[in-house]
Amino acid sequence: MTDMTEPHTTYMCDDLLMSARDISVVYDCRAVLRNVNLDIRRGDFIALSGPNGGGKTTFLRVMLKLLKPTRGTVTYYAGGK
């Protein structure tokens, strides 16, 4: 997975709902996710796609606070409660 933010687009800070930075998850000495970054802003439509075993469900679990990442942070902003 790669950084899905668009650096050339200007957003207001109030539009940011969630920010995931440098998310890594390791299961049984195997890295499932490495340094994943994602910002979600009000009005965004998000799609995660990739091969089986690519870490999509693991990343969703981290974003939903169902799984603590091995490394990195997920920050929720006022609009995201």
Protein backbone atom coordinates (compact mmCIF):
# COMPACT_ATOMS: atom_id res chain seq x y z
CA MET A 1 0.00 0.00 0.00
CA THR A 2 1.15 3.50 -0.68
CA ASP A 3 0.42 7.02 0.49
CA MET A 4 -2.98 7.89 -0.94
CA THR A 5 -2.92 11.61 -0.19
CA GLU A 6 -2.67 14.18 -2.95
CA PRO A 7 0.09 16.65 -2.01
CA HIS A 8 -0.87 19.13 -4.75
CA THR A 9 -4.43 19.59 -3.40
CA THR A 10 -5.08 22.23 -0.74
CA TYR A 11 -7.49 21.27 2.04
CA MET A 12 -8.72 23.06 5.10
CA CYS A 13 -7.58 21.51 8.38
CA ASP A 14 -11.23 21.25 9.51
CA ASP A 15 -11.90 18.80 6.66
CA LEU A 16 -9.46 16.21 8.04
CA LEU A 17 -11.32 13.40 9.83
CA MET A 18 -8.63 10.74 10.23
CA SER A 19 -4.91 10.51 9.64
CA ALA A 20 -2.90 7.28 9.62
CA ARG A 21 0.89 7.70 9.70
CA ASP A 22 3.60 5.08 9.21
CA ILE A 23 1.26 2.18 10.05
CA SER A 24 3.05 -1.15 10.26
CA VAL A 25 1.62 -4.46 11.47
CA VAL A 26 3.66 -7.61 12.07
CA TYR A 27 2.14 -11.08 12.63
CA ASP A 28 4.43 -13.95 13.61
CA CYS A 29 7.57 -12.12 12.43
CA ARG A 30 5.90 -11.38 9.05
CA ALA A 31 5.21 -7.76 8.06
CA VAL A 32 1.63 -7.49 6.81
CA LEU A 33 1.71 -3.68 6.50
CA ARG A 34 4.75 -1.43 6.18
CA ASN A 35 4.71 2.36 6.59
CA VAL A 36 1.18 2.96 5.31
CA ASN A 37 -0.09 6.56 5.29
CA LEU A 38 -3.64 7.78 4.63
CA ASP A 39 -5.63 10.95 5.27
CA ILE A 40 -9.41 10.87 5.11
CA ARG A 41 -11.25 14.15 4.69
CA ARG A 42 -14.91 15.06 4.83
CA GLY A 43 -16.56 14.04 1.56
CA ASP A 44 -13.88 11.51 0.57
CA PHE A 45 -14.85 8.18 -0.97
CA ILE A 46 -12.34 5.46 -0.10
CA ALA A 47 -11.70 2.12 -1.81
CA LEU A 48 -9.08 -0.39 -0.73
CA SER A 49 -8.05 -2.90 -3.34
CA GLY A 50 -5.26 -5.38 -3.67
CA PRO A 51 -4.40 -9.07 -3.75
CA ASN A 52 -5.51 -11.66 -1.23
CA GLY A 53 -3.32 -11.38 1.86
CA GLY A 54 -2.27 -7.84 0.93
CA GLY A 55 -3.28 -6.30 4.27
CA LYS A 56 -6.59 -4.64 3.34
CA THR A 57 -8.59 -6.12 6.22
CA THR A 58 -5.73 -5.59 8.65
CA PHE A 59 -5.57 -1.90 7.70
CA LEU A 60 -9.34 -1.54 8.14
CA ARG A 61 -9.08 -3.16 11.58
CA VAL A 62 -6.38 -0.66 12.55
CA MET A 63 -8.50 2.27 11.29
CA LEU A 64 -11.52 1.00 13.25
CA LYS A 65 -9.45 0.63 16.46
CA LEU A 66 -9.97 -3.15 16.47
CA LEU A 67 -6.24 -3.83 16.13
CA LYS A 68 -3.30 -1.88 17.50
CA PRO A 69 -0.56 -1.31 14.92
CA THR A 70 2.93 -2.59 15.67
CA ARG A 71 4.19 0.86 14.70
CA GLY A 72 2.61 4.15 13.69
CA THR A 73 -0.36 6.23 14.76
CA VAL A 74 -3.97 6.77 13.78
CA THR A 75 -5.37 10.16 14.75
CA TYR A 76 -9.06 11.05 14.71
CA TYR A 77 -10.06 14.70 14.53
CA ALA A 78 -13.14 16.47 15.97
CA GLY A 79 -15.27 15.84 12.90
CA GLY A 80 -14.45 12.12 13.09
CA LYS A 81 -15.17 11.85 16.84
